[in-house]
């Protein structure tokens, strides 16, 4: 793919993922135009003031709940990355209608606008919490996944194609446990909800680069899942604050002990490649068969879960992931 000739729009462009996506795009790919679409003028101002002021950049104020604004923003756009979402589990539980309006209705609006304006490719970001969800956030992301994948049927003979990437926790992103542990460290006390808890982890840059690679390879209809390491939350706490007391406070409502990235049911129509899994849509006449020559079928009953993963982060690797946030926290305290 020749990114130099592409116009790209990213929803939620001022968030953690959006800023890193813009940074990598400008540094390594130099697209013809890169549109940051978000609803907060202050965050856009702060982003521009912090150095994101390239000639190819455009800042578009708008909300994914506003279909007409999305249509206007997507005029002439080739690729859409949909990163806008309400993702804090407690906030979604307390504000369920707001979560549905942004994560599901907002997703529908992105689909409609992309179809109406002839966008070539749309990649939506999902989460491990969309697999067998037990909280509203996960349920909205599951619905959004189904919406994007099945909306390929609406494209008909048109060229618009929709896919998703699904991965685990991003180290240090907004709402991550890492900043919380760093804030708690000076008190000598770290709180975790359960000593058995495990999570999939990857860095922000890894998540962005995986998304870009999947955009280049997508045919439309896939859910791309990277092979990433697991980490015990208690090991993370010990790596950040080895001398602190660890207090177990109990699992919060809507929280799982372990997360799943590919369920047993999905494994029946998924393929394994060297660095990722590709979940194909079931019984989709509009979906190609190109992936079946590139990957291997998964064994019956296979489940890609954080507690049964064969790739675990060691203490040194955990410290390396956390190091950039240690620096930023130290600067903030001066």
C-alpha atoms as a PDB file:
ATOM      1  CA  UNK A   1       0.000   0.000   0.000  1.00  0.00           C
ATOM      2  CA  UNK A   2       1.289   3.448  -0.913  1.00  0.00           C
ATOM      3  CA  UNK A   3       0.406   5.485   2.170  1.00  0.00           C
ATOM      4  CA  UNK A   4       1.797   8.647   0.563  1.00  0.00           C
ATOM      5  CA  UNK A   5      -1.275   8.809  -1.642  1.00  0.00           C
ATOM      6  CA  UNK A   6      -3.838   8.092   1.069  1.00  0.00           C
ATOM      7  CA  UNK A   7      -6.111  10.351   3.084  1.00  0.00           C
ATOM      8  CA  UNK A   8      -6.702   8.889   6.540  1.00  0.00           C
ATOM      9  CA  UNK A   9      -9.212   9.797   9.230  1.00  0.00           C
ATOM     10  CA  UNK A  10      -8.946   8.593  12.808  1.00  0.00           C
ATOM     11  CA  UNK A  11     -11.875   8.942  15.203  1.00  0.00           C
ATOM     12  CA  UNK A  12     -10.876   9.528  18.806  1.00  0.00           C
ATOM     13  CA  UNK A  13      -7.695  10.962  17.377  1.00  0.00           C
ATOM     14  CA  UNK A  14      -6.676  12.835  20.540  1.00  0.00           C
ATOM     15  CA  UNK A  15      -6.731   9.712  22.729  1.00  0.00           C
ATOM     16  CA  UNK A  16      -3.751   7.547  23.672  1.00  0.00           C
ATOM     17  CA  UNK A  17      -4.025   5.362  20.577  1.00  0.00           C
ATOM     18  CA  UNK A  18      -4.829   8.292  18.306  1.00  0.00           C
ATOM     19  CA  UNK A  19      -1.793  10.349  19.311  1.00  0.00           C
ATOM     20  CA  UNK A  20       0.575   7.408  18.871  1.00  0.00           C
ATOM     21  CA  UNK A  21      -1.068   6.519  15.534  1.00  0.00           C
ATOM     22  CA  UNK A  22      -0.608  10.074  14.270  1.00  0.00           C
ATOM     23  CA  UNK A  23       2.983  10.127  15.511  1.00  0.00           C
ATOM     24  CA  UNK A  24       3.907   6.889  13.711  1.00  0.00           C
ATOM     25  CA  UNK A  25       2.014   7.830  10.563  1.00  0.00           C
ATOM     26  CA  UNK A  26       3.797  11.162  10.244  1.00  0.00           C
ATOM     27  CA  UNK A  27       7.191   9.689  11.083  1.00  0.00           C
ATOM     28  CA  UNK A  28       7.158   6.503   9.002  1.00  0.00           C
ATOM     29  CA  UNK A  29       4.385   6.670   6.379  1.00  0.00           C
ATOM     30  CA  UNK A  30       3.828  10.337   5.413  1.00  0.00           C
ATOM     31  CA  UNK A  31       0.200  10.114   4.208  1.00  0.00           C
ATOM     32  CA  UNK A  32      -1.157  12.794   1.890  1.00  0.00           C
ATOM     33  CA  UNK A  33      -3.599  13.926   4.582  1.00  0.00           C
ATOM     34  CA  UNK A  34      -4.291  12.804   8.133  1.00  0.00           C
ATOM     35  CA  UNK A  35      -7.523  13.942   9.803  1.00  0.00           C
ATOM     36  CA  UNK A  36      -7.871  13.912  13.593  1.00  0.00           C
ATOM     37  CA  UNK A  37     -11.581  13.612  14.382  1.00  0.00           C
ATOM     38  CA  UNK A  38     -12.581  14.179  18.014  1.00  0.00           C
ATOM     39  CA  UNK A  39     -15.085  16.111  20.084  1.00  0.00           C
ATOM     40  CA  UNK A  40     -12.803  17.998  22.508  1.00  0.00           C
ATOM     41  CA  UNK A  41     -11.364  21.274  21.220  1.00  0.00           C
ATOM     42  CA  UNK A  42      -9.032  21.573  24.232  1.00  0.00           C
ATOM     43  CA  UNK A  43      -7.411  18.196  23.563  1.00  0.00           C
ATOM     44  CA  UNK A  44      -6.990  19.120  19.911  1.00  0.00           C
ATOM     45  CA  UNK A  45      -5.364  22.415  20.925  1.00  0.00           C
ATOM     46  CA  UNK A  46      -3.064  20.631  23.376  1.00  0.00           C
ATOM     47  CA  UNK A  47      -2.158  18.034  20.764  1.00  0.00           C
ATOM     48  CA  UNK A  48      -1.291  20.708  18.199  1.00  0.00           C
ATOM     49  CA  UNK A  49       0.639  22.723  20.795  1.00  0.00           C
ATOM     50  CA  UNK A  50       2.702  19.686  21.809  1.00  0.00           C
ATOM     51  CA  UNK A  51       4.147  19.370  18.312  1.00  0.00           C
ATOM     52  CA  UNK A  52       1.459  17.686  16.235  1.00  0.00           C
ATOM     53  CA  UNK A  53       1.306  20.507  13.720  1.00  0.00           C
ATOM     54  CA  UNK A  54       2.340  18.920  10.425  1.00  0.00           C
ATOM     55  CA  UNK A  55       1.163  20.376   7.066  1.00  0.00           C
ATOM     56  CA  UNK A  56      -0.697  17.144   6.293  1.00  0.00           C
ATOM     57  CA  UNK A  57      -2.636  17.239   9.586  1.00  0.00           C
ATOM     58  CA  UNK A  58      -6.234  18.424   9.856  1.00  0.00           C
ATOM     59  CA  UNK A  59      -8.208  18.776  13.094  1.00  0.00           C
ATOM     60  CA  UNK A  60     -11.924  18.103  12.786  1.00  0.00           C
ATOM     61  CA  UNK A  61     -14.186  18.774  15.767  1.00  0.00           C
ATOM     62  CA  UNK A  62     -17.065  16.333  15.796  1.00  0.00           C
ATOM     63  CA  UNK A  63     -18.718  13.463  17.644  1.00  0.00           C
ATOM     64  CA  UNK A  64     -19.235   9.946  16.297  1.00  0.00           C
ATOM     65  CA  UNK A  65     -22.834  10.315  17.462  1.00  0.00           C
ATOM     66  CA  UNK A  66     -23.285  12.926  14.712  1.00  0.00           C
ATOM     67  CA  UNK A  67     -23.763  11.148  11.374  1.00  0.00           C
ATOM     68  CA  UNK A  68     -23.880  14.333   9.301  1.00  0.00           C
ATOM     69  CA  UNK A  69     -20.590  15.559  10.741  1.00  0.00           C
ATOM     70  CA  UNK A  70     -18.952  12.192  10.020  1.00  0.00           C
ATOM     71  CA  UNK A  71     -20.165  12.348   6.433  1.00  0.00           C
ATOM     72  CA  UNK A  72     -18.634  15.790   6.051  1.00  0.00           C
ATOM     73  CA  UNK A  73     -15.351  14.667   7.619  1.00  0.00           C
ATOM     74  CA  UNK A  74     -15.068  11.566   5.422  1.00  0.00           C
ATOM     75  CA  UNK A  75     -15.343  13.357   2.105  1.00  0.00           C
ATOM     76  CA  UNK A  76     -12.362  12.222   0.035  1.00  0.00           C
ATOM     77  CA  UNK A  77     -11.081   9.880   2.750  1.00  0.00           C
ATOM     78  CA  UNK A  78      -9.517   6.541   1.769  1.00  0.00           C
ATOM     79  CA  UNK A  79      -8.975   4.880   5.166  1.00  0.00           C
ATOM     80  CA  UNK A  80     -10.804   5.270   8.479  1.00  0.00           C
ATOM     81  CA  UNK A  81      -9.428   4.048  11.803  1.00  0.00           C
ATOM     82  CA  UNK A  82     -12.217   3.994  14.377  1.00  0.00           C
ATOM     83  CA  UNK A  83     -10.716   4.431  17.842  1.00  0.00           C
ATOM     84  CA  UNK A  84     -13.362   6.600  19.523  1.00  0.00           C
ATOM     85  CA  UNK A  85     -15.092   4.876  22.433  1.00  0.00           C
ATOM     86  CA  UNK A  86     -16.221   5.125  26.031  1.00  0.00           C
ATOM     87  CA  UNK A  87     -14.007   2.456  27.606  1.00  0.00           C
ATOM     88  CA  UNK A  88     -13.972   2.904  31.383  1.00  0.00           C
ATOM     89  CA  UNK A  89     -15.894  -0.065  32.795  1.00  0.00           C
ATOM     90  CA  UNK A  90     -17.329   1.741  35.874  1.00  0.00           C
ATOM     91  CA  UNK A  91     -18.330   4.790  33.798  1.00  0.00           C
ATOM     92  CA  UNK A  92     -20.099   2.593  31.244  1.00  0.00           C
ATOM     93  CA  UNK A  93     -21.923   0.703  34.005  1.00  0.00           C
ATOM     94  CA  UNK A  94     -23.128   3.969  35.585  1.00  0.00           C
ATOM     95  CA  UNK A  95     -23.960   5.618  32.247  1.00  0.00           C
ATOM     96  CA  UNK A  96     -25.276   2.729  30.134  1.00  0.00           C
ATOM     97  CA  UNK A  97     -27.190   4.773  27.571  1.00  0.00           C
ATOM     98  CA  UNK A  98     -24.152   6.989  26.971  1.00  0.00           C
ATOM     99  CA  UNK A  99     -21.989   3.893  26.416  1.00  0.00           C
ATOM    100  CA  UNK A 100     -24.468   2.502  23.912  1.00  0.00           C
ATOM    101  CA  UNK A 101     -24.811   5.841  22.115  1.00  0.00           C
ATOM    102  CA  UNK A 102     -21.059   6.186  21.602  1.00  0.00           C
ATOM    103  CA  UNK A 103     -19.859   2.592  21.223  1.00  0.00           C
ATOM    104  CA  UNK A 104     -22.762   1.118  19.240  1.00  0.00           C
ATOM    105  CA  UNK A 105     -24.706   3.981  17.647  1.00  0.00           C
ATOM    106  CA  UNK A 106     -21.435   5.818  17.037  1.00  0.00           C
ATOM    107  CA  UNK A 107     -20.089   2.701  15.329  1.00  0.00           C
ATOM    108  CA  UNK A 108     -23.185   2.527  13.170  1.00  0.00           C
ATOM    109  CA  UNK A 109     -22.664   6.154  12.156  1.00  0.00           C
ATOM    110  CA  UNK A 110     -19.065   5.437  11.143  1.00  0.00           C
ATOM    111  CA  UNK A 111     -20.309   2.560   8.975  1.00  0.00           C
ATOM    112  CA  UNK A 112     -23.057   4.646   7.366  1.00  0.00           C
ATOM    113  CA  UNK A 113     -20.767   7.606   6.673  1.00  0.00           C
ATOM    114  CA  UNK A 114     -18.047   5.365   5.219  1.00  0.00           C
ATOM    115  CA  UNK A 115     -20.534   3.685   2.888  1.00  0.00           C
ATOM    116  CA  UNK A 116     -22.087   7.002   1.864  1.00  0.00           C
ATOM    117  CA  UNK A 117     -18.749   8.647   1.050  1.00  0.00           C
ATOM    118  CA  UNK A 118     -17.025   5.675  -0.595  1.00  0.00           C
ATOM    119  CA  UNK A 119     -14.226   5.093   1.933  1.00  0.00           C
ATOM    120  CA  UNK A 120     -12.053   2.142   0.861  1.00  0.00           C
ATOM    121  CA  UNK A 121     -11.121   0.575   4.205  1.00  0.00           C
ATOM    122  CA  UNK A 122     -12.406   0.936   7.760  1.00  0.00           C
ATOM    123  CA  UNK A 123     -10.553  -0.637  10.678  1.00  0.00           C
ATOM    124  CA  UNK A 124     -12.298  -0.589  14.062  1.00  0.00           C
ATOM    125  CA  UNK A 125     -10.505  -1.126  17.369  1.00  0.00           C
ATOM    126  CA  UNK A 126     -11.923  -3.751  19.714  1.00  0.00           C
ATOM    127  CA  UNK A 127     -10.890  -5.348  22.993  1.00  0.00           C
ATOM    128  CA  UNK A 128     -10.527  -8.709  24.735  1.00  0.00           C
ATOM    129  CA  UNK A 129     -13.509  -7.656  26.856  1.00  0.00           C
ATOM    130  CA  UNK A 130     -15.723  -8.162  23.784  1.00  0.00           C
ATOM    131  CA  UNK A 131     -15.190 -11.941  24.082  1.00  0.00           C
ATOM    132  CA  UNK A 132     -17.800 -13.518  26.384  1.00  0.00           C
ATOM    133  CA  UNK A 133     -18.559 -10.089  27.927  1.00  0.00           C
ATOM    134  CA  UNK A 134     -19.706  -9.734  31.517  1.00  0.00           C
ATOM    135  CA  UNK A 135     -19.881  -5.925  31.644  1.00  0.00           C
ATOM    136  CA  UNK A 136     -21.642  -3.316  29.539  1.00  0.00           C
ATOM    137  CA  UNK A 137     -18.418  -2.017  28.005  1.00  0.00           C
ATOM    138  CA  UNK A 138     -17.573  -5.487  26.707  1.00  0.00           C
ATOM    139  CA  UNK A 139     -21.132  -5.980  25.475  1.00  0.00           C
ATOM    140  CA  UNK A 140     -21.054  -2.709  23.519  1.00  0.00           C
ATOM    141  CA  UNK A 141     -17.714  -3.643  21.945  1.00  0.00           C
ATOM    142  CA  UNK A 142     -19.044  -7.090  21.003  1.00  0.00           C
ATOM    143  CA  UNK A 143     -22.034  -5.433  19.349  1.00  0.00           C
ATOM    144  CA  UNK A 144     -19.712  -2.985  17.599  1.00  0.00           C
ATOM    145  CA  UNK A 145     -17.543  -5.849  16.311  1.00  0.00           C
ATOM    146  CA  UNK A 146     -20.577  -7.629  14.868  1.00  0.00           C
ATOM    147  CA  UNK A 147     -21.781  -4.368  13.377  1.00  0.00           C
ATOM    148  CA  UNK A 148     -18.525  -3.645  11.552  1.00  0.00           C
ATOM    149  CA  UNK A 149     -17.948  -7.194  10.342  1.00  0.00           C
ATOM    150  CA  UNK A 150     -21.484  -7.782   9.077  1.00  0.00           C
ATOM    151  CA  UNK A 151     -21.695  -4.325   7.492  1.00  0.00           C
ATOM    152  CA  UNK A 152     -19.529  -5.647   4.673  1.00  0.00           C
ATOM    153  CA  UNK A 153     -22.809  -7.022   3.356  1.00  0.00           C
ATOM    154  CA  UNK A 154     -24.100  -3.459   2.892  1.00  0.00           C
ATOM    155  CA  UNK A 155     -21.191  -2.539   0.630  1.00  0.00           C
ATOM    156  CA  UNK A 156     -22.544  -4.743  -2.145  1.00  0.00           C
ATOM    157  CA  UNK A 157     -20.583  -4.067  -5.284  1.00  0.00           C
ATOM    158  CA  UNK A 158     -18.979  -1.006  -3.727  1.00  0.00           C
ATOM    159  CA  UNK A 159     -15.414  -0.949  -2.539  1.00  0.00           C
ATOM    160  CA  UNK A 160     -15.874  -0.201   1.178  1.00  0.00           C
ATOM    161  CA  UNK A 161     -14.548  -2.948   3.439  1.00  0.00           C
ATOM    162  CA  UNK A 162     -14.733  -3.255   7.221  1.00  0.00           C
ATOM    163  CA  UNK A 163     -12.504  -5.202   9.635  1.00  0.00           C
ATOM    164  CA  UNK A 164     -11.557  -5.153  13.333  1.00  0.00           C
ATOM    165  CA  UNK A 165      -8.443  -5.532  15.430  1.00  0.00           C
ATOM    166  CA  UNK A 166      -8.874  -7.012  18.896  1.00  0.00           C
ATOM    167  CA  UNK A 167      -6.175  -7.000  21.548  1.00  0.00           C
ATOM    168  CA  UNK A 168      -5.631  -6.797  25.302  1.00  0.00           C
ATOM    169  CA  UNK A 169      -4.618  -4.131  27.784  1.00  0.00           C
ATOM    170  CA  UNK A 170      -2.346  -1.360  26.548  1.00  0.00           C
ATOM    171  CA  UNK A 171       0.367  -0.516  29.060  1.00  0.00           C
ATOM    172  CA  UNK A 172      -0.023   3.008  30.370  1.00  0.00           C
ATOM    173  CA  UNK A 173      -3.063   3.997  28.306  1.00  0.00           C
ATOM    174  CA  UNK A 174      -5.798   6.100  29.881  1.00  0.00           C
ATOM    175  CA  UNK A 175      -7.456   4.000  32.559  1.00  0.00           C
ATOM    176  CA  UNK A 176      -4.552   1.549  32.726  1.00  0.00           C
ATOM    177  CA  UNK A 177      -3.588   0.116  36.108  1.00  0.00           C
ATOM    178  CA  UNK A 178       0.044   1.219  35.606  1.00  0.00           C
ATOM    179  CA  UNK A 179      -0.520   4.941  36.389  1.00  0.00           C
ATOM    180  CA  UNK A 180      -2.605   3.933  39.404  1.00  0.00           C
ATOM    181  CA  UNK A 181       0.160   1.714  40.797  1.00  0.00           C
ATOM    182  CA  UNK A 182       2.702   4.501  40.239  1.00  0.00           C
ATOM    183  CA  UNK A 183       0.473   6.930  42.145  1.00  0.00           C
ATOM    184  CA  UNK A 184       0.040   4.441  44.995  1.00  0.00           C
ATOM    185  CA  UNK A 185       3.746   3.559  45.277  1.00  0.00           C
ATOM    186  CA  UNK A 186       4.771   6.530  47.478  1.00  0.00           C
ATOM    187  CA  UNK A 187       2.186   5.428  50.062  1.00  0.00           C
ATOM    188  CA  UNK A 188       3.868   2.036  50.461  1.00  0.00           C
ATOM    189  CA  UNK A 189       0.578   0.284  49.677  1.00  0.00           C
ATOM    190  CA  UNK A 190      -0.628  -1.165  46.345  1.00  0.00           C
ATOM    191  CA  UNK A 191      -4.210  -2.403  45.878  1.00  0.00           C
ATOM    192  CA  UNK A 192      -5.104  -5.254  43.537  1.00  0.00           C
ATOM    193  CA  UNK A 193      -8.448  -6.958  43.169  1.00  0.00           C
ATOM    194  CA  UNK A 194      -7.281 -10.596  43.076  1.00  0.00           C
ATOM    195  CA  UNK A 195      -3.845 -12.241  43.268  1.00  0.00           C
ATOM    196  CA  UNK A 196      -4.805 -14.757  40.555  1.00  0.00           C
ATOM    197  CA  UNK A 197      -5.712 -12.129  37.961  1.00  0.00           C
ATOM    198  CA  UNK A 198      -3.974 -12.242  34.563  1.00  0.00           C
ATOM    199  CA  UNK A 199      -4.143  -9.966  31.547  1.00  0.00           C
ATOM    200  CA  UNK A 200      -2.848  -9.745  27.996  1.00  0.00           C
ATOM    201  CA  UNK A 201      -0.431  -6.824  27.633  1.00  0.00           C
ATOM    202  CA  UNK A 202       1.169  -4.898  24.803  1.00  0.00           C
ATOM    203  CA  UNK A 203       2.689  -1.485  24.367  1.00  0.00           C
ATOM    204  CA  UNK A 204       0.874   1.373  22.676  1.00  0.00           C
ATOM    205  CA  UNK A 205       3.353   1.339  19.790  1.00  0.00           C
ATOM    206  CA  UNK A 206       2.870  -2.401  19.286  1.00  0.00           C
ATOM    207  CA  UNK A 207      -0.894  -1.910  19.139  1.00  0.00           C
ATOM    208  CA  UNK A 208      -0.621   0.885  16.578  1.00  0.00           C
ATOM    209  CA  UNK A 209       1.862  -0.924  14.348  1.00  0.00           C
ATOM    210  CA  UNK A 210      -0.239  -4.094  14.451  1.00  0.00           C
ATOM    211  CA  UNK A 211      -3.289  -2.071  13.389  1.00  0.00           C
ATOM    212  CA  UNK A 212      -1.397  -0.514  10.480  1.00  0.00           C
ATOM    213  CA  UNK A 213      -0.186  -3.927   9.274  1.00  0.00           C
ATOM    214  CA  UNK A 214      -3.723  -5.283   9.422  1.00  0.00           C
ATOM    215  CA  UNK A 215      -5.087  -2.345   7.401  1.00  0.00           C
ATOM    216  CA  UNK A 216      -2.568  -3.205   4.717  1.00  0.00           C
ATOM    217  CA  UNK A 217      -3.629  -6.874   4.666  1.00  0.00           C
ATOM    218  CA  UNK A 218      -7.388  -6.734   5.278  1.00  0.00           C
ATOM    219  CA  UNK A 219      -9.862  -8.107   2.763  1.00  0.00           C
ATOM    220  CA  UNK A 220     -12.891  -7.096   4.840  1.00  0.00           C
ATOM    221  CA  UNK A 221     -14.654  -9.148   7.494  1.00  0.00           C
ATOM    222  CA  UNK A 222     -11.681 -10.294   9.553  1.00  0.00           C
ATOM    223  CA  UNK A 223     -11.057  -9.843  13.262  1.00  0.00           C
ATOM    224  CA  UNK A 224      -7.286  -9.647  13.679  1.00  0.00           C
ATOM    225  CA  UNK A 225      -5.839 -10.815  17.013  1.00  0.00           C
ATOM    226  CA  UNK A 226      -2.112 -10.391  17.755  1.00  0.00           C
ATOM    227  CA  UNK A 227      -0.078 -12.978  19.629  1.00  0.00           C
ATOM    228  CA  UNK A 228       0.933 -11.057  22.737  1.00  0.00           C
ATOM    229  CA  UNK A 229       2.261 -11.957  26.189  1.00  0.00           C
ATOM    230  CA  UNK A 230       0.343 -12.377  29.407  1.00  0.00           C
ATOM    231  CA  UNK A 231       1.212 -10.897  32.778  1.00  0.00           C
ATOM    232  CA  UNK A 232       0.025 -11.512  36.311  1.00  0.00           C
ATOM    233  CA  UNK A 233      -1.286  -8.283  37.785  1.00  0.00           C
ATOM    234  CA  UNK A 234       0.414  -9.082  41.095  1.00  0.00           C
ATOM    235  CA  UNK A 235       3.763  -9.391  39.238  1.00  0.00           C
ATOM    236  CA  UNK A 236       3.166  -5.965  37.717  1.00  0.00           C
ATOM    237  CA  UNK A 237       2.529  -4.511  41.173  1.00  0.00           C
ATOM    238  CA  UNK A 238       5.729  -6.082  42.517  1.00  0.00           C
ATOM    239  CA  UNK A 239       7.754  -4.819  39.551  1.00  0.00           C
ATOM    240  CA  UNK A 240       6.519  -1.246  40.068  1.00  0.00           C
ATOM    241  CA  UNK A 241       6.703  -1.210  43.881  1.00  0.00           C
ATOM    242  CA  UNK A 242       8.803  -4.159  45.126  1.00  0.00           C
ATOM    243  CA  UNK A 243       8.851  -2.886  48.715  1.00  0.00           C
ATOM    244  CA  UNK A 244       5.185  -1.964  48.966  1.00  0.00           C
ATOM    245  CA  UNK A 245       2.517  -3.885  50.828  1.00  0.00           C
ATOM    246  CA  UNK A 246      -0.029  -5.488  48.477  1.00  0.00           C
ATOM    247  CA  UNK A 247      -3.631  -5.328  49.633  1.00  0.00           C
ATOM    248  CA  UNK A 248      -6.238  -7.535  47.951  1.00  0.00           C
ATOM    249  CA  UNK A 249      -9.534  -5.625  47.797  1.00  0.00           C
ATOM    250  CA  UNK A 250     -11.730  -8.063  45.841  1.00  0.00           C
ATOM    251  CA  UNK A 251     -12.894  -8.245  42.238  1.00  0.00           C
ATOM    252  CA  UNK A 252     -14.966  -5.259  41.130  1.00  0.00           C
ATOM    253  CA  UNK A 253     -18.349  -5.597  39.391  1.00  0.00           C
ATOM    254  CA  UNK A 254     -17.876  -6.428  35.702  1.00  0.00           C
ATOM    255  CA  UNK A 255     -14.255  -7.585  36.146  1.00  0.00           C
ATOM    256  CA  UNK A 256     -12.905 -10.985  35.082  1.00  0.00           C
ATOM    257  CA  UNK A 257     -10.110 -13.043  36.584  1.00  0.00           C
ATOM    258  CA  UNK A 258      -8.724 -13.781  33.113  1.00  0.00           C
ATOM    259  CA  UNK A 259      -9.360 -12.424  29.631  1.00  0.00           C
ATOM    260  CA  UNK A 260      -9.927 -14.259  26.340  1.00  0.00           C
ATOM    261  CA  UNK A 261      -8.896 -13.045  22.882  1.00  0.00           C
ATOM    262  CA  UNK A 262     -10.168 -16.018  20.852  1.00  0.00           C
ATOM    263  CA  UNK A 263     -13.004 -18.139  22.234  1.00  0.00           C
ATOM    264  CA  UNK A 264     -13.560 -21.843  21.602  1.00  0.00           C
ATOM    265  CA  UNK A 265     -16.473 -21.088  19.302  1.00  0.00           C
ATOM    266  CA  UNK A 266     -14.485 -18.554  17.274  1.00  0.00           C
ATOM    267  CA  UNK A 267     -11.551 -20.955  17.002  1.00  0.00           C
ATOM    268  CA  UNK A 268     -13.623 -23.153  14.687  1.00  0.00           C
ATOM    269  CA  UNK A 269     -13.449 -20.463  12.011  1.00  0.00           C
ATOM    270  CA  UNK A 270     -10.095 -18.892  12.861  1.00  0.00           C
ATOM    271  CA  UNK A 271      -6.620 -19.303  11.418  1.00  0.00           C
ATOM    272  CA  UNK A 272      -3.243 -19.145  13.121  1.00  0.00           C
ATOM    273  CA  UNK A 273      -0.344 -17.292  11.519  1.00  0.00           C
ATOM    274  CA  UNK A 274       3.154 -16.709  12.882  1.00  0.00           C
ATOM    275  CA  UNK A 275       2.290 -13.518  14.753  1.00  0.00           C
ATOM    276  CA  UNK A 276      -1.503 -13.407  14.902  1.00  0.00           C
ATOM    277  CA  UNK A 277      -4.861 -15.138  14.638  1.00  0.00           C
ATOM    278  CA  UNK A 278      -7.406 -14.221  11.976  1.00  0.00           C
ATOM    279  CA  UNK A 279     -11.051 -14.832  12.899  1.00  0.00           C
ATOM    280  CA  UNK A 280     -13.041 -15.199   9.699  1.00  0.00           C
ATOM    281  CA  UNK A 281     -16.761 -14.361   9.464  1.00  0.00           C
ATOM    282  CA  UNK A 282     -19.056 -17.354   9.327  1.00  0.00           C
ATOM    283  CA  UNK A 283     -21.123 -18.100   6.218  1.00  0.00           C
ATOM    284  CA  UNK A 284     -20.314 -14.800   4.538  1.00  0.00           C
ATOM    285  CA  UNK A 285     -20.779 -14.827   0.782  1.00  0.00           C
ATOM    286  CA  UNK A 286     -18.952 -11.502   0.490  1.00  0.00           C
ATOM    287  CA  UNK A 287     -15.778 -12.749   2.208  1.00  0.00           C
ATOM    288  CA  UNK A 288     -12.805 -14.016   0.187  1.00  0.00           C
ATOM    289  CA  UNK A 289     -10.824 -17.174   0.872  1.00  0.00           C
ATOM    290  CA  UNK A 290      -7.322 -15.712   0.639  1.00  0.00           C
ATOM    291  CA  UNK A 291      -6.508 -16.237   4.328  1.00  0.00           C
ATOM    292  CA  UNK A 292      -7.059 -19.988   4.114  1.00  0.00           C
ATOM    293  CA  UNK A 293      -3.876 -20.391   2.127  1.00  0.00           C
ATOM    294  CA  UNK A 294      -1.822 -18.383   4.621  1.00  0.00           C
ATOM    295  CA  UNK A 295      -2.676 -19.889   8.004  1.00  0.00           C
ATOM    296  CA  UNK A 296      -3.350 -23.132   9.852  1.00  0.00           C
ATOM    297  CA  UNK A 297      -6.654 -24.219  11.347  1.00  0.00           C
ATOM    298  CA  UNK A 298      -6.876 -24.269  15.133  1.00  0.00           C
ATOM    299  CA  UNK A 299      -7.417 -27.463  17.115  1.00  0.00           C
ATOM    300  CA  UNK A 300     -10.902 -28.315  18.299  1.00  0.00           C
ATOM    301  CA  UNK A 301     -11.637 -26.553  21.577  1.00  0.00           C
ATOM    302  CA  UNK A 302      -8.702 -24.154  21.295  1.00  0.00           C
ATOM    303  CA  UNK A 303      -8.981 -21.054  23.464  1.00  0.00           C
ATOM    304  CA  UNK A 304      -6.561 -18.132  23.513  1.00  0.00           C
ATOM    305  CA  UNK A 305      -6.777 -16.922  27.109  1.00  0.00           C
ATOM    306  CA  UNK A 306      -4.498 -14.860  29.332  1.00  0.00           C
ATOM    307  CA  UNK A 307      -4.117 -17.583  31.966  1.00  0.00           C
ATOM    308  CA  UNK A 308      -3.295 -20.415  29.506  1.00  0.00           C
ATOM    309  CA  UNK A 309      -1.016 -18.383  27.258  1.00  0.00           C
ATOM    310  CA  UNK A 310       2.444 -19.897  26.641  1.00  0.00           C
ATOM    311  CA  UNK A 311       4.056 -16.444  26.455  1.00  0.00           C
ATOM    312  CA  UNK A 312       4.554 -14.677  29.799  1.00  0.00           C
ATOM    313  CA  UNK A 313       6.346 -11.438  30.575  1.00  0.00           C
ATOM    314  CA  UNK A 314       9.349 -11.777  32.880  1.00  0.00           C
ATOM    315  CA  UNK A 315      10.151  -9.227  35.577  1.00  0.00           C
ATOM    316  CA  UNK A 316      12.773  -7.468  33.457  1.00  0.00           C
ATOM    317  CA  UNK A 317      10.350  -7.217  30.536  1.00  0.00           C
ATOM    318  CA  UNK A 318       7.672  -5.789  32.810  1.00  0.00           C
ATOM    319  CA  UNK A 319      10.086  -3.160  34.100  1.00  0.00           C
ATOM    320  CA  UNK A 320      11.024  -2.239  30.526  1.00  0.00           C
ATOM    321  CA  UNK A 321       7.358  -1.720  29.603  1.00  0.00           C
ATOM    322  CA  UNK A 322       6.726   0.404  32.664  1.00  0.00           C
ATOM    323  CA  UNK A 323       9.925   2.494  32.433  1.00  0.00           C
ATOM    324  CA  UNK A 324       8.549   5.272  30.157  1.00  0.00           C
ATOM    325  CA  UNK A 325       5.697   5.902  32.576  1.00  0.00           C
ATOM    326  CA  UNK A 326       8.085   5.984  35.536  1.00  0.00           C
ATOM    327  CA  UNK A 327       9.890   8.882  33.818  1.00  0.00           C
ATOM    328  CA  UNK A 328       6.696  10.815  33.045  1.00  0.00           C
ATOM    329  CA  UNK A 329       5.426  10.324  36.604  1.00  0.00           C
ATOM    330  CA  UNK A 330       8.699  11.584  38.053  1.00  0.00           C
ATOM    331  CA  UNK A 331       8.570  14.681  35.855  1.00  0.00           C
ATOM    332  CA  UNK A 332       4.996  15.349  36.907  1.00  0.00           C
ATOM    333  CA  UNK A 333       5.938  15.274  40.592  1.00  0.00           C
ATOM    334  CA  UNK A 334       8.727  17.859  40.266  1.00  0.00           C
END
